Amino acid sequence: MYLSPYHSQTKSIMFPVMKNLLSQNKDVKINETELSFTFSNNAQILLKGADNANSLRGINLGYNGSNAVVLDECAYIKENVFTEIVMPMLFDHNAKALLCSTPASFNHFYNLFMLGQGQDQNYKSWQFSTLEKGMIPKEAIEDAKRTMTADQYKQEILGDFVSIGGNKAVWNFDRSKHIKEPIDMPPKLYAGCDFNVSMMATTIFGVISDTVVVVDELYLENSNTEAMAKYIKQKYPQIKDIYPDPAGKARSTTAKNNHSDHMILKQYGFNVYARPKAPHVKQRLYDLNRLLLDADDNVRLTVSPKCEKLIRDFELCQRKPDGSLDKTDLSLTHFLDSLTYYINLKHSSYVKNINYAEF
């Protein structure tokens, strides 16, 4: 079975190609309505679209153990089509899948690609550029360089995974520049914390010279501030200073008592630092992006590759038209917030020598 994002796309692109290849074969019956090719031994090639995903359920891939599904432009096919519909077909018939696509930022297709880079023995992945294929004239490639942005060229021509979008919250983040395993641990570690019952998010970082070095991230699902305080103490007992959400001064994620989040952290021995009120999101994002890359091309923030959720925030978080963070996806922004409370307090260009409150 061949599957593209849309039935109309399959009909206009792949069906004519397959029909041209097989029309001279007398052993093949071509069904132009169903977009199928049936051979004399009852083997079939089925061409489908993923836009009506439920119509794919129940398709029998079984044929003499030679079964396969091709997902073309997989990055543009909804993730659940592969995980919920195609995967069971593979299991039922011992079939294989070939997932092909131009990258589309770091979405689900990137996650599948990484499985083939050694994360899962059932997957293998390869990456090729348009230049290597040799199917597009060099003149067209040169035209693309002139008409595309650098990020567009990397994605569409070189086949690289890059973040593209004018509404990105973290527009200066570049994996090649900012993801680095720390050679030495910072002499002193700090914690930044964002309070959410569904996701307690904490980043662990320090400063080497004038560079903020993020070394780890901690998270607890469906938890509270007390549990996170214990977790930090258990894993990083040397941490004394914590930079939480300023709103935690007045509220708590636990119903056990009336203590605020800040009070709970102090009860566990932390020095708690926060602005009197929440800083403007625009300023926090500006401070973060300036550390990632300033006007002189200096990088003053690095992130350990183990901080997968923070990196995901950097790559996927978007801004609304008013400049605030888009929190439509409840799984995003928490780790970005936990780090930028500290950055805005200690590394902001807006206010020099800010006096912060200790509770």
Protein backbone atom coordinates (compact mmCIF):
# COMPACT_ATOMS: atom_id res chain seq x y z
CA MET A 1 0.00 0.00 0.00
CA TYR A 2 1.17 3.50 -0.92
CA LEU A 3 -0.17 6.32 1.24
CA SER A 4 0.18 10.08 0.72
CA PRO A 5 -1.35 12.89 2.81
CA TYR A 6 -4.33 13.35 0.45
CA HIS A 7 -6.33 11.08 -1.87
CA SER A 8 -6.28 13.77 -4.57
CA GLN A 9 -2.51 13.98 -4.24
CA THR A 10 -2.15 10.22 -4.69
CA LYS A 11 -4.49 10.26 -7.69
CA SER A 12 -2.72 13.10 -9.50
CA ILE A 13 0.90 12.17 -8.69
CA MET A 14 1.43 8.47 -7.99
CA PHE A 15 -1.39 6.82 -9.92
CA PRO A 16 -0.25 8.13 -13.35
CA VAL A 17 3.30 6.96 -12.60
CA MET A 18 2.19 3.47 -11.60
CA LYS A 19 -0.26 3.23 -14.50
CA ASN A 20 2.48 4.11 -16.96
CA LEU A 21 4.80 1.52 -15.45
CA LEU A 22 2.26 -1.32 -15.40
CA SER A 23 -0.09 -0.63 -18.32
CA GLN A 24 1.95 -2.87 -20.66
CA ASN A 25 1.78 -5.77 -18.22
CA LYS A 26 -1.06 -8.08 -19.28
CA ASP A 27 -1.04 -9.76 -15.87
CA VAL A 28 -2.25 -6.58 -14.15
CA LYS A 29 -5.82 -5.34 -13.81
CA ILE A 30 -5.97 -1.57 -13.24
CA ASN A 31 -8.89 -0.11 -11.30
CA GLU A 32 -8.95 3.65 -11.85
CA THR A 33 -11.75 4.18 -9.34
CA GLU A 34 -10.08 2.33 -6.49
CA LEU A 35 -6.54 3.34 -7.59
CA SER A 36 -5.44 -0.29 -7.36
CA PHE A 37 -3.39 -2.74 -9.38
CA THR A 38 -4.22 -6.45 -9.09
CA PHE A 39 -1.86 -9.13 -10.45
CA SER A 40 -2.76 -12.57 -11.76
CA ASN A 41 -1.58 -14.18 -8.52
CA ASN A 42 -3.98 -11.87 -6.56
CA ALA A 43 -1.18 -9.67 -5.24
CA GLN A 44 -2.15 -6.01 -5.12
CA ILE A 45 -0.71 -2.53 -5.06
CA LEU A 46 -3.12 -0.12 -3.34
CA LEU A 47 -2.81 3.67 -3.61
CA LYS A 48 -4.53 5.57 -0.81
CA GLY A 49 -4.82 8.99 0.83
CA ALA A 50 -4.49 9.64 4.57
CA ASP A 51 -7.14 12.40 4.66
CA ASN A 52 -9.86 9.79 5.22
CA ALA A 53 -7.86 7.74 7.67
CA ASN A 54 -10.69 5.61 9.02
CA SER A 55 -11.28 4.18 5.54
CA LEU A 56 -7.88 2.50 5.85
CA ARG A 57 -8.91 0.41 8.83
CA GLY A 58 -9.24 -3.31 8.15
CA ILE A 59 -7.18 -3.37 4.95
CA ASN A 60 -5.61 -6.81 4.58
CA LEU A 61 -1.92 -6.64 3.77
CA GLY A 62 -1.42 -10.37 3.82
CA TYR A 63 0.23 -11.91 0.75
CA ASN A 64 2.85 -14.65 0.99
CA GLY A 65 4.75 -12.74 3.68
CA SER A 66 5.73 -9.98 1.20
CA ASN A 67 3.94 -7.01 2.67
CA ALA A 68 4.83 -3.34 2.85
CA VAL A 69 3.38 0.12 3.35
CA VAL A 70 4.93 3.30 1.96
CA LEU A 71 4.02 6.58 3.66
CA ASP A 72 5.04 9.38 1.32
CA GLU A 73 5.51 12.89 2.81
CA CYS A 74 5.00 11.27 6.19
CA ALA A 75 5.76 14.51 8.05
CA TYR A 76 2.52 15.90 6.60
CA ILE A 77 0.40 12.88 7.51
CA LYS A 78 -1.21 13.09 10.93
CA GLU A 79 0.79 11.19 13.54
CA ASN A 80 -2.10 8.98 14.64
CA VAL A 81 -2.51 7.57 11.11
CA PHE A 82 0.76 5.70 11.47
CA THR A 83 0.57 4.87 15.18
CA GLU A 84 -3.11 3.90 15.41
CA ILE A 85 -3.95 2.57 11.94
CA VAL A 86 -0.86 1.54 9.99
CA MET A 87 1.14 0.05 12.86
CA PRO A 88 -1.53 -2.60 13.67
CA MET A 89 -1.47 -3.62 9.98
CA LEU A 90 2.26 -4.19 10.23
CA PHE A 91 1.92 -6.31 13.36
CA ASP A 92 -0.93 -8.38 11.96
CA HIS A 93 0.89 -9.30 8.73
CA ASN A 94 4.58 -9.11 9.63
CA ALA A 95 4.86 -6.20 7.24
CA LYS A 96 7.38 -3.40 6.90
CA ALA A 97 6.92 0.33 6.42
CA LEU A 98 8.96 2.85 4.45
CA LEU A 99 8.42 6.39 5.73
CA CYS A 100 9.60 9.06 3.28
CA SER A 101 9.30 12.81 3.64
CA THR A 102 10.68 16.27 3.36
CA PRO A 103 11.23 17.31 7.00
CA ALA A 104 8.64 19.59 8.62
CA SER A 105 10.50 21.09 11.55
CA PHE A 106 10.85 18.75 14.57
CA ASN A 107 7.42 17.14 14.46
CA HIS A 108 6.50 13.46 14.78
CA PHE A 109 8.48 12.53 11.65
CA TYR A 110 11.67 13.75 13.34
CA ASN A 111 10.91 11.49 16.32
CA LEU A 112 10.51 8.53 13.97
CA PHE A 113 13.75 9.44 12.20
CA MET A 114 15.60 9.49 15.54
CA LEU A 115 14.31 5.99 16.35
CA GLY A 116 16.28 4.84 13.32
CA GLN A 117 19.44 6.56 14.53
CA GLY A 118 20.04 3.91 17.16
CA GLN A 119 17.17 4.54 19.56
CA ASP A 120 15.17 1.47 18.48
CA GLN A 121 16.53 -1.65 16.76
CA ASN A 122 13.26 -2.04 14.83
CA TYR A 123 13.91 1.20 12.93
CA LYS A 124 16.61 2.36 10.52
CA SER A 125 16.77 5.83 9.01
CA TRP A 126 18.69 7.66 6.30
CA GLN A 127 18.94 11.27 5.20
CA PHE A 128 19.57 12.52 1.66
CA SER A 129 19.63 15.95 0.08
CA THR A 130 18.07 16.98 -3.22
CA LEU A 131 21.61 17.53 -4.46
CA GLU A 132 22.45 13.85 -3.95
CA LYS A 133 19.39 12.62 -5.85
CA GLY A 134 20.50 14.32 -9.05
CA MET A 135 16.91 14.63 -10.28
CA ILE A 136 16.74 18.43 -10.14
CA PRO A 137 18.99 20.61 -12.37
CA LYS A 138 21.79 22.48 -10.65
CA GLU A 139 20.37 25.70 -12.04
CA ALA A 140 17.16 25.11 -10.10
CA ILE A 141 19.18 24.52 -6.93
CA GLU A 142 20.97 27.84 -7.45
CA ASP A 143 17.61 29.55 -7.97
CA ALA A 144 16.40 28.02 -4.71
CA LYS A 145 19.36 29.54 -2.87
CA ARG A 146 18.37 32.96 -4.09
CA THR A 147 14.63 32.68 -3.43
CA MET A 148 14.51 30.72 -0.15
CA THR A 149 15.48 31.74 3.32
CA ALA A 150 18.42 29.88 4.83
CA ASP A 151 16.08 27.71 6.94
CA GLN A 152 13.81 26.94 3.98
CA TYR A 153 16.79 25.89 1.87
CA LYS A 154 18.08 23.63 4.63
CA GLN A 155 14.71 21.92 4.97
CA GLU A 156 13.46 21.70 1.38
CA ILE A 157 16.74 21.13 -0.47
CA LEU A 158 19.20 19.71 2.06
CA GLY A 159 16.62 17.65 3.95
CA ASP A 160 17.66 19.02 7.34
CA PHE A 161 15.42 19.25 10.38
CA VAL A 162 15.14 22.94 11.21
CA SER A 163 12.60 25.14 12.94
CA ILE A 164 10.80 27.50 10.56
CA GLY A 165 8.21 30.08 11.50
CA GLY A 166 7.90 33.81 12.04
CA ASN A 167 6.00 33.32 15.29
CA LYS A 168 8.65 31.25 17.01
CA ALA A 169 9.11 32.11 20.66
CA VAL A 170 12.79 31.11 20.64
CA TRP A 171 13.99 32.38 17.29
CA ASN A 172 17.73 32.27 17.97
CA PHE A 173 17.95 28.62 19.01
CA ASP A 174 20.21 26.47 16.82
CA ARG A 175 20.88 22.86 17.73
CA SER A 176 24.40 22.95 16.28
CA LYS A 177 25.33 25.96 18.41
CA HIS A 178 23.44 25.47 21.63
CA ILE A 179 23.14 21.75 22.39
CA LYS A 180 26.35 20.81 24.15
CA GLU A 181 27.24 18.25 26.78
CA PRO A 182 28.99 20.17 29.58
CA ILE A 183 32.67 19.31 29.81
CA ASP A 184 32.80 20.60 33.37
CA MET A 185 29.94 21.14 35.77
CA PRO A 186 29.36 24.77 36.77
CA PRO A 187 30.89 25.57 40.18
CA LYS A 188 27.41 26.34 41.57
CA LEU A 189 24.07 24.97 40.46
CA TYR A 190 20.67 26.67 40.57
CA ALA A 191 17.12 25.56 39.87
CA GLY A 192 14.31 27.28 38.00
CA CYS A 193 10.79 26.07 38.66
CA ASP A 194 7.39 26.40 36.99
CA PHE A 195 4.38 25.32 39.04
CA ASN A 196 1.70 23.21 37.37
CA VAL A 197 -0.29 20.36 38.83
CA SER A 198 -0.20 18.49 35.51
CA MET A 199 3.53 19.08 35.01
CA MET A 200 5.97 20.30 37.64
CA ALA A 201 8.90 21.52 35.55
CA THR A 202 12.39 22.34 36.83
CA THR A 203 15.58 23.21 34.98
CA ILE A 204 19.02 22.79 36.57
CA PHE A 205 21.75 25.19 35.47
CA GLY A 206 24.82 27.15 36.45
CA VAL A 207 27.13 29.80 35.06
CA ILE A 208 30.62 29.28 33.61
CA SER A 209 32.33 32.59 32.84
CA ASP A 210 29.37 34.53 31.44
CA THR A 211 27.56 31.56 29.90
CA VAL A 212 24.44 29.96 31.36
CA VAL A 213 24.92 26.18 31.18
CA VAL A 214 21.74 24.09 31.50
CA VAL A 215 22.76 20.64 32.72
CA ASP A 216 19.50 18.83 33.47
CA GLU A 217 15.72 18.99 33.70
CA LEU A 218 13.41 17.44 36.27
CA TYR A 219 9.70 16.89 35.93
CA LEU A 220 6.85 15.26 37.81
CA GLU A 221 3.40 14.65 36.37
CA ASN A 222 0.22 15.20 38.40
CA SER A 223 2.29 16.28 41.38
CA ASN A 224 2.89 19.29 43.64
CA THR A 225 5.58 21.66 44.87
CA GLU A 226 6.44 19.59 47.94
CA ALA A 227 7.15 16.50 45.83
CA MET A 228 9.32 18.54 43.45
CA ALA A 229 11.25 20.08 46.37
CA LYS A 230 12.02 16.57 47.65
CA TYR A 231 13.06 15.46 44.15
CA ILE A 232 15.48 18.36 43.75
CA LYS A 233 16.98 17.71 47.19
CA GLN A 234 17.39 14.03 46.39
CA LYS A 235 19.08 14.49 43.02
CA TYR A 236 20.96 17.76 43.60
CA PRO A 237 21.45 18.21 47.37
CA GLN A 238 24.03 20.97 46.71
CA ILE A 239 21.43 23.35 45.27
CA LYS A 240 20.48 26.16 47.66
CA ASP A 241 19.08 28.87 45.36
CA ILE A 242 15.89 28.43 43.39
CA TYR A 243 14.18 30.82 40.94
CA PRO A 244 10.46 30.00 40.66
CA ASP A 245 7.39 31.52 39.03
CA PRO A 246 6.70 34.81 40.88
CA ALA A 247 3.01 33.85 41.04
CA GLY A 248 3.98 31.08 43.47
CA LYS A 249 4.26 33.68 46.21
CA ALA A 250 0.48 33.80 46.50
CA ARG A 251 -0.70 30.31 45.59
CA SER A 252 0.05 26.61 46.00
CA THR A 253 -0.17 23.47 43.89
CA THR A 254 -1.11 21.39 46.94
CA ALA A 255 -4.33 21.35 48.93
CA LYS A 256 -2.72 19.97 52.10
CA ASN A 257 -2.22 23.39 53.68
CA ASN A 258 -2.43 27.08 52.99
CA HIS A 259 1.28 27.51 52.39
CA SER A 260 2.26 29.11 49.10
CA ASP A 261 4.63 27.42 46.66
CA HIS A 262 7.41 29.80 47.72
CA MET A 263 6.85 29.04 51.40
CA ILE A 264 7.00 25.30 50.73
CA LEU A 265 10.32 25.67 48.91
CA LYS A 266 11.74 27.67 51.79
CA GLN A 267 10.60 24.99 54.25
CA TYR A 268 12.81 22.58 52.34
CA GLY A 269 15.82 24.81 52.83
CA PHE A 270 15.90 26.71 49.54
CA ASN A 271 16.69 30.38 49.13
CA VAL A 272 13.81 31.57 46.94
CA TYR A 273 14.35 34.45 44.51
CA ALA A 274 11.65 36.01 42.34
CA ARG A 275 10.41 39.33 41.12
CA PRO A 276 7.53 40.89 43.06
CA LYS A 277 5.27 40.16 40.09
CA ALA A 278 5.51 38.13 36.91
CA PRO A 279 7.75 39.73 34.27
CA HIS A 280 6.27 40.46 30.86
CA VAL A 281 6.56 37.45 28.55
CA LYS A 282 7.98 39.59 25.72
CA GLN A 283 10.88 40.67 27.91
CA ARG A 284 11.58 37.12 29.11
CA LEU A 285 11.73 35.89 25.51
CA TYR A 286 13.95 38.76 24.47
CA ASP A 287 16.36 38.06 27.34
CA LEU A 288 16.47 34.36 26.42
CA ASN A 289 17.09 34.95 22.73
CA ARG A 290 19.79 37.51 23.48
CA LEU A 291 21.68 34.94 25.57
CA LEU A 292 21.33 32.39 22.79
CA LEU A 293 22.84 34.79 20.25
CA ASP A 294 23.56 38.47 20.71
CA ALA A 295 24.25 41.11 18.07
CA ASP A 296 27.94 40.19 18.03
CA ASP A 297 27.18 36.48 17.44
CA ASN A 298 28.15 35.53 20.98
CA VAL A 299 26.55 32.40 22.43
CA ARG A 300 25.94 32.71 26.16
CA LEU A 301 23.59 29.81 26.80
CA THR A 302 24.06 26.10 26.17
CA VAL A 303 21.80 23.13 26.87
CA SER A 304 22.69 19.53 27.64
CA PRO A 305 21.21 17.06 25.12
CA LYS A 306 19.49 15.28 28.01
CA CYS A 307 17.15 18.30 28.41
CA GLU A 308 14.75 16.99 25.77
CA LYS A 309 11.65 18.80 27.05
CA LEU A 310 13.40 22.16 27.26
CA ILE A 311 14.78 21.68 23.74
CA ARG A 312 11.28 20.77 22.57
CA ASP A 313 9.98 24.02 24.06
CA PHE A 314 12.73 25.98 22.32
CA GLU A 315 11.83 24.45 18.98
CA LEU A 316 8.04 24.29 19.12
CA CYS A 317 6.78 27.13 21.32
CA GLN A 318 5.02 29.87 19.36
CA ARG A 319 4.01 33.46 20.06
CA LYS A 320 0.53 34.92 19.71
CA PRO A 321 0.07 38.13 17.68
CA ASP A 322 0.35 40.15 20.91
CA GLY A 323 3.77 38.61 21.66
CA SER A 324 2.63 36.37 24.51
CA LEU A 325 3.27 32.63 24.57
CA ASP A 326 0.76 30.41 22.84
CA LYS A 327 -0.25 27.87 25.49
CA THR A 328 -2.76 25.97 23.37
CA ASP A 329 -0.60 22.84 23.60
CA LEU A 330 -0.62 22.07 27.32
CA SER A 331 2.58 20.02 27.03
CA LEU A 332 4.63 23.06 25.97
CA THR A 333 6.14 26.21 27.61
CA HIS A 334 6.68 24.81 31.13
CA PHE A 335 10.44 24.27 30.85
CA LEU A 336 10.95 27.45 28.85
CA ASP A 337 9.15 29.31 31.67
CA SER A 338 11.19 27.62 34.40
CA LEU A 339 14.46 28.79 32.83
CA THR A 340 13.41 32.29 31.82
CA TYR A 341 12.29 33.29 35.33
CA TYR A 342 15.97 33.07 36.29
CA ILE A 343 17.27 34.62 33.09
CA ASN A 344 14.91 37.58 33.36
CA LEU A 345 15.92 38.15 36.95
CA LYS A 346 19.70 37.77 36.64
CA HIS A 347 20.53 38.42 32.98
CA SER A 348 17.92 40.90 31.81
CA SER A 349 18.95 43.82 29.63
CA TYR A 350 15.82 45.69 30.64
CA VAL A 351 16.71 46.42 34.26
CA LYS A 352 20.27 46.49 35.52
CA ASN A 353 21.12 45.41 39.06
CA ILE A 354 17.54 44.41 39.80
CA ASN A 355 16.67 44.07 43.47
CA TYR A 356 14.95 40.74 43.88
CA ALA A 357 12.95 39.58 46.85
CA GLU A 358 13.87 36.69 49.09
CA PHE A 359 10.99 35.00 50.87
